[in-house]
Amino acid sequence: MEAIQNGFRAALKLLICTCLIAGYLVSALVIKFKLRRDPLARRRAFIENSHRYCRRMAKNLQIHTTVKGRPVAESNFLYVGNHMGFVDILAVSSIFPALFITSHEMRETPLLGTLCEMAGCLFVERRSRTRIINELDNLKEALEQGFNVVLYPEATSTNGEAVLPFKKTLMMAGPRARRPIQPGCINFHEINGEDFNLRSRDSVCWYGDMSFVAAMWNTFTASSIKVELEFLEPLLEGPEADRNHVALKAHSLVSSRFRPPRRHEAPKGEGLRTS
């Protein structure tokens, strides 16, 4: 019976999700046509449109996001944080409009590439040391233009067991643009009414050999997801800052607040174990 209920729930969410994606693409195409001669205004409109639809998508998927702390208010910023899958992207994007950084591989993926492009994303080739310097300049320019930029410096999504070391180069876009780096930590607290654990993590984590379709279906079958976005102490670094120092400091802030999934089932309300 539970399997039937999960399947029905997932099918209903898939139907609504499909309608939302269709609406998102139509509205993005209208923006692309109307603002075809103004790239800056087009990107800003893409980002606002994506923000609105991510909020609707999160509501459809029963993703409930609470916020702890506040982001930098004095200026736009470079957000850096941990990354476990597309669920935390929806959570972050539903809280504040931003330009997301993703890979060229994502751009080449059918449908996903189009969705990212219509969200105003910047695409980077992390495997090329020569190209990444040019892409650092693109991130710097976006920050100077007043956009909030979201960078996941782990450079991949994870299984939720730890925060991977941060890649350094692209993080320097913040100091070079003289904009603050805003570290943030995503923690999943409850899935289907249970504390986040190894059994339930596949509802929110996309990792290893798991396909995108399988990861999406796992999220669709979840009855509810409770996630917290915590804004941490901003880093105000100058253009000449040491990139190793910047990356280590940001990683230390995020990893110190991160709570991995439980390794055992425990009664609800017992709290999260960090070891």
Protein backbone atom coordinates (compact mmCIF):
# COMPACT_ATOMS: atom_id res chain seq x y z
CA MET A 1 0.00 0.00 0.00
CA GLU A 2 2.82 2.41 0.85
CA ALA A 3 4.45 1.77 -2.53
CA ILE A 4 1.17 2.58 -4.29
CA GLN A 5 0.77 5.79 -2.30
CA ASN A 6 4.36 6.82 -3.08
CA GLY A 7 3.85 6.11 -6.76
CA PHE A 8 0.62 8.12 -6.88
CA ARG A 9 2.25 11.00 -5.02
CA ALA A 10 5.23 11.00 -7.35
CA ALA A 11 3.02 10.87 -10.46
CA LEU A 12 0.96 13.84 -9.26
CA LYS A 13 4.08 15.87 -8.49
CA LEU A 14 5.53 14.95 -11.87
CA LEU A 15 2.38 16.21 -13.60
CA ILE A 16 2.45 19.52 -11.73
CA CYS A 17 6.22 19.79 -12.24
CA THR A 18 5.78 19.33 -15.98
CA CYS A 19 3.21 22.12 -16.07
CA LEU A 20 5.51 24.40 -14.07
CA ILE A 21 8.44 23.70 -16.38
CA ALA A 22 6.26 24.45 -19.40
CA GLY A 23 5.15 27.73 -17.85
CA TYR A 24 8.72 28.59 -16.94
CA LEU A 25 9.98 27.98 -20.47
CA VAL A 26 7.16 29.97 -22.08
CA SER A 27 7.73 32.94 -19.76
CA ALA A 28 11.50 32.73 -20.33
CA LEU A 29 11.01 32.72 -24.10
CA VAL A 30 8.85 35.83 -23.82
CA ILE A 31 11.62 37.50 -21.80
CA LYS A 32 14.24 36.42 -24.35
CA PHE A 33 12.22 37.91 -27.20
CA LYS A 34 11.23 41.16 -25.46
CA LEU A 35 14.73 41.89 -24.14
CA ARG A 36 16.77 40.44 -27.00
CA ARG A 37 18.64 43.73 -27.45
CA ASP A 38 19.48 44.23 -23.76
CA PRO A 39 21.53 41.29 -22.41
CA LEU A 40 21.87 42.74 -18.93
CA ALA A 41 18.14 43.36 -18.47
CA ARG A 42 17.42 39.94 -20.02
CA ARG A 43 19.66 38.16 -17.51
CA ARG A 44 18.12 40.09 -14.62
CA ALA A 45 14.62 39.13 -15.81
CA PHE A 46 15.69 35.49 -16.30
CA ILE A 47 16.93 35.38 -12.70
CA GLU A 48 13.75 36.89 -11.24
CA ASN A 49 11.62 34.51 -13.31
CA SER A 50 13.68 31.52 -12.15
CA HIS A 51 13.36 32.68 -8.53
CA ARG A 52 9.56 32.77 -8.81
CA TYR A 53 9.29 29.36 -10.43
CA CYS A 54 11.74 27.75 -7.99
CA ARG A 55 9.49 28.86 -5.15
CA ARG A 56 6.52 27.25 -6.91
CA MET A 57 8.49 24.10 -7.64
CA ALA A 58 9.65 23.83 -4.02
CA LYS A 59 6.06 24.17 -2.85
CA ASN A 60 4.94 21.42 -5.25
CA LEU A 61 7.70 19.10 -4.00
CA GLN A 62 6.88 19.84 -0.36
CA ILE A 63 10.31 21.34 0.26
CA HIS A 64 10.01 23.56 3.33
CA THR A 65 12.98 25.87 3.77
CA THR A 66 13.74 27.78 6.95
CA VAL A 67 16.39 30.49 7.09
CA LYS A 68 18.88 31.06 9.89
CA GLY A 69 20.87 34.28 9.98
CA ARG A 70 20.85 36.95 7.30
CA PRO A 71 22.86 37.48 4.13
CA VAL A 72 24.92 40.57 3.48
CA ALA A 73 22.56 43.52 3.11
CA GLU A 74 24.95 46.28 2.07
CA SER A 75 25.71 44.90 -1.40
CA ASN A 76 25.31 41.95 -3.70
CA PHE A 77 27.54 38.98 -2.89
CA LEU A 78 29.16 35.72 -3.97
CA TYR A 79 27.35 32.90 -2.17
CA VAL A 80 29.43 29.77 -1.54
CA GLY A 81 28.11 26.65 0.19
CA ASN A 82 27.75 22.90 0.29
CA HIS A 83 25.88 21.06 -2.44
CA MET A 84 24.07 17.71 -2.31
CA GLY A 85 21.72 17.88 -5.29
CA PHE A 86 19.07 19.88 -7.11
CA VAL A 87 16.90 20.09 -3.96
CA ASP A 88 19.32 22.51 -2.30
CA ILE A 89 19.42 24.53 -5.53
CA LEU A 90 15.64 24.93 -5.31
CA ALA A 91 15.97 25.84 -1.63
CA VAL A 92 18.60 28.52 -2.23
CA SER A 93 16.91 29.95 -5.33
CA SER A 94 13.56 30.12 -3.56
CA ILE A 95 15.08 32.34 -0.86
CA PHE A 96 16.89 34.93 -2.97
CA PRO A 97 17.27 35.60 -6.71
CA ALA A 98 20.75 34.79 -7.99
CA LEU A 99 22.84 33.84 -10.94
CA PHE A 100 24.03 30.23 -10.57
CA ILE A 101 27.35 28.84 -11.77
CA THR A 102 27.21 25.42 -13.40
CA SER A 103 29.29 23.28 -15.73
CA HIS A 104 29.45 23.05 -19.51
CA GLU A 105 28.45 19.40 -19.13
CA MET A 106 25.16 20.58 -17.66
CA ARG A 107 24.71 22.98 -20.57
CA GLU A 108 25.06 20.07 -22.99
CA THR A 109 22.47 17.94 -21.14
CA PRO A 110 19.10 17.87 -22.95
CA LEU A 111 16.39 19.94 -21.21
CA LEU A 112 18.59 20.68 -18.17
CA GLY A 113 20.87 22.80 -20.33
CA THR A 114 17.91 24.80 -21.63
CA LEU A 115 16.49 25.25 -18.13
CA CYS A 116 19.85 26.54 -16.89
CA GLU A 117 20.33 28.86 -19.84
CA MET A 118 16.86 30.35 -19.34
CA ALA A 119 17.77 30.98 -15.69
CA GLY A 120 20.68 33.19 -16.72
CA CYS A 121 23.30 30.72 -15.49
CA LEU A 122 26.99 31.13 -16.20
CA PHE A 123 28.70 28.01 -17.51
CA VAL A 124 32.28 27.11 -16.61
CA GLU A 125 34.72 24.49 -17.81
CA ARG A 126 36.43 23.39 -14.61
CA ARG A 127 38.61 20.85 -16.43
CA SER A 128 40.49 23.52 -18.38
CA ARG A 129 43.00 25.64 -16.43
CA THR A 130 43.30 28.12 -19.29
CA ARG A 131 39.57 28.67 -19.76
CA ILE A 132 38.81 28.94 -16.06
CA ILE A 133 40.82 32.16 -15.82
CA ASN A 134 38.58 33.75 -18.45
CA GLU A 135 35.53 32.42 -16.64
CA LEU A 136 36.80 33.97 -13.41
CA ASP A 137 36.64 37.31 -15.23
CA ASN A 138 33.04 36.57 -16.27
CA LEU A 139 32.06 35.92 -12.64
CA LYS A 140 33.81 39.10 -11.55
CA GLU A 141 31.92 41.06 -14.19
CA ALA A 142 28.56 39.60 -13.09
CA LEU A 143 29.26 40.62 -9.50
CA GLU A 144 30.27 44.12 -10.61
CA GLN A 145 26.97 44.34 -12.51
CA GLY A 146 25.12 43.88 -9.22
CA PHE A 147 24.04 40.23 -9.43
CA ASN A 148 24.12 37.83 -6.50
CA VAL A 149 26.15 34.87 -7.73
CA VAL A 150 25.87 31.31 -6.35
CA LEU A 151 28.97 29.11 -6.56
CA TYR A 152 29.24 25.55 -5.27
CA PRO A 153 33.01 25.27 -4.77
CA GLU A 154 32.91 21.53 -4.07
CA ALA A 155 32.43 21.36 -7.88
CA THR A 156 30.03 18.42 -7.56
CA SER A 157 27.00 17.28 -5.59
CA THR A 158 27.68 14.86 -2.74
CA ASN A 159 26.16 12.02 -0.74
CA GLY A 160 25.73 14.30 2.27
CA GLU A 161 28.33 12.67 4.49
CA ALA A 162 30.85 15.54 4.44
CA VAL A 163 31.63 18.91 2.87
CA LEU A 164 34.30 18.31 0.23
CA PRO A 165 37.32 20.65 -0.04
CA PHE A 166 36.54 23.89 -1.86
CA LYS A 167 38.05 24.64 -5.26
CA LYS A 168 39.88 27.93 -5.04
CA THR A 169 40.08 29.79 -8.31
CA LEU A 170 36.48 30.85 -8.94
CA MET A 171 36.01 31.93 -5.32
CA MET A 172 38.40 34.79 -6.00
CA ALA A 173 35.75 36.47 -8.16
CA GLY A 174 34.32 37.98 -4.97
CA PRO A 175 37.53 39.66 -3.74
CA ARG A 176 38.47 40.77 -7.26
CA ALA A 177 35.08 42.39 -7.74
CA ARG A 178 35.37 43.88 -4.23
CA ARG A 179 32.21 42.08 -3.19
CA PRO A 180 31.77 40.00 -0.01
CA ILE A 181 31.83 36.22 -0.03
CA GLN A 182 28.69 35.00 1.71
CA PRO A 183 29.15 31.44 3.03
CA GLY A 184 25.99 29.43 3.53
CA CYS A 185 25.26 25.97 4.88
CA ILE A 186 22.44 23.70 3.78
CA ASN A 187 21.23 21.14 6.32
CA PHE A 188 18.39 18.69 5.81
CA HIS A 189 16.53 18.12 9.07
CA GLU A 190 13.56 15.92 8.25
CA ILE A 191 12.46 13.76 5.35
CA ASN A 192 9.03 12.12 5.52
CA GLY A 193 8.75 13.16 9.17
CA GLU A 194 11.99 11.40 10.18
CA ASP A 195 15.35 12.90 11.07
CA PHE A 196 17.67 13.01 8.05
CA ASN A 197 19.41 9.62 7.89
CA LEU A 198 21.28 7.35 5.52
CA ARG A 199 18.10 5.55 4.53
CA SER A 200 16.31 8.73 3.47
CA ARG A 201 19.19 10.72 2.00
CA ASP A 202 18.56 9.53 -1.56
CA SER A 203 15.44 11.70 -1.51
CA VAL A 204 17.65 14.80 -1.59
CA CYS A 205 21.17 13.73 -2.63
CA TRP A 206 22.30 13.17 -6.21
CA TYR A 207 25.64 11.39 -6.25
CA GLY A 208 27.73 8.57 -7.66
CA ASP A 209 26.16 6.70 -10.57
CA MET A 210 22.63 7.83 -9.73
CA SER A 211 20.89 9.16 -12.84
CA PHE A 212 19.07 12.48 -12.84
CA VAL A 213 15.77 10.71 -13.53
CA ALA A 214 16.26 8.39 -10.53
CA ALA A 215 17.23 11.31 -8.30
CA MET A 216 14.14 13.28 -9.36
CA TRP A 217 11.84 10.30 -8.80
CA ASN A 218 13.28 9.80 -5.29
CA THR A 219 12.44 13.43 -4.50
CA PHE A 220 8.96 13.10 -6.01
CA THR A 221 8.15 10.12 -3.77
CA ALA A 222 9.06 12.01 -0.56
CA SER A 223 6.02 13.26 1.33
CA SER A 224 7.89 16.20 2.89
CA ILE A 225 11.40 17.64 3.08
CA LYS A 226 12.54 20.10 5.74
CA VAL A 227 15.74 21.98 4.98
CA GLU A 228 17.57 24.84 6.65
CA LEU A 229 19.66 27.48 4.91
CA GLU A 230 22.03 29.15 7.35
CA PHE A 231 23.85 32.32 6.35
CA LEU A 232 27.26 32.46 8.01
CA GLU A 233 29.78 35.22 8.69
CA PRO A 234 30.63 37.00 5.42
CA LEU A 235 34.24 37.17 4.27
CA LEU A 236 35.49 40.59 3.26
CA GLU A 237 38.71 39.99 1.37
CA GLY A 238 40.72 42.25 -0.90
CA PRO A 239 41.81 41.49 -4.47
CA GLU A 240 45.29 40.44 -3.29
CA ALA A 241 44.00 37.91 -0.75
CA ASP A 242 45.58 34.47 -0.75
CA ARG A 243 43.16 32.09 -2.47
CA ASN A 244 44.19 29.14 -0.27
CA HIS A 245 43.37 31.17 2.84
CA VAL A 246 40.01 32.28 1.42
CA ALA A 247 38.99 28.76 0.40
CA LEU A 248 40.05 27.20 3.71
CA LYS A 249 38.29 29.86 5.77
CA ALA A 250 35.03 29.53 3.82
CA HIS A 251 35.20 25.73 3.98
CA SER A 252 35.84 25.84 7.73
CA LEU A 253 32.78 28.02 8.30
CA VAL A 254 30.48 25.81 6.22
CA SER A 255 31.77 22.44 7.44
CA SER A 256 31.56 23.55 11.10
CA ARG A 257 27.79 24.07 10.71
CA PHE A 258 27.10 21.05 8.51
CA ARG A 259 25.19 18.09 9.96
CA PRO A 260 25.49 14.80 8.04
CA PRO A 261 22.73 12.17 7.94
CA ARG A 262 22.28 9.93 10.93
CA ARG A 263 23.87 6.54 10.69
CA HIS A 264 21.06 4.95 12.62
CA GLU A 265 17.33 5.34 13.02
CA ALA A 266 16.51 7.40 16.09
CA PRO A 267 13.36 8.76 17.70
CA LYS A 268 12.21 12.06 16.28
CA GLY A 269 13.38 15.05 18.27
CA GLU A 270 16.57 13.48 19.64
CA GLY A 271 18.68 15.95 17.65
CA LEU A 272 21.38 15.54 15.04
CA ARG A 273 24.55 13.59 15.65
CA THR A 274 27.76 15.07 14.26
CA SER A 275 30.07 12.09 14.55
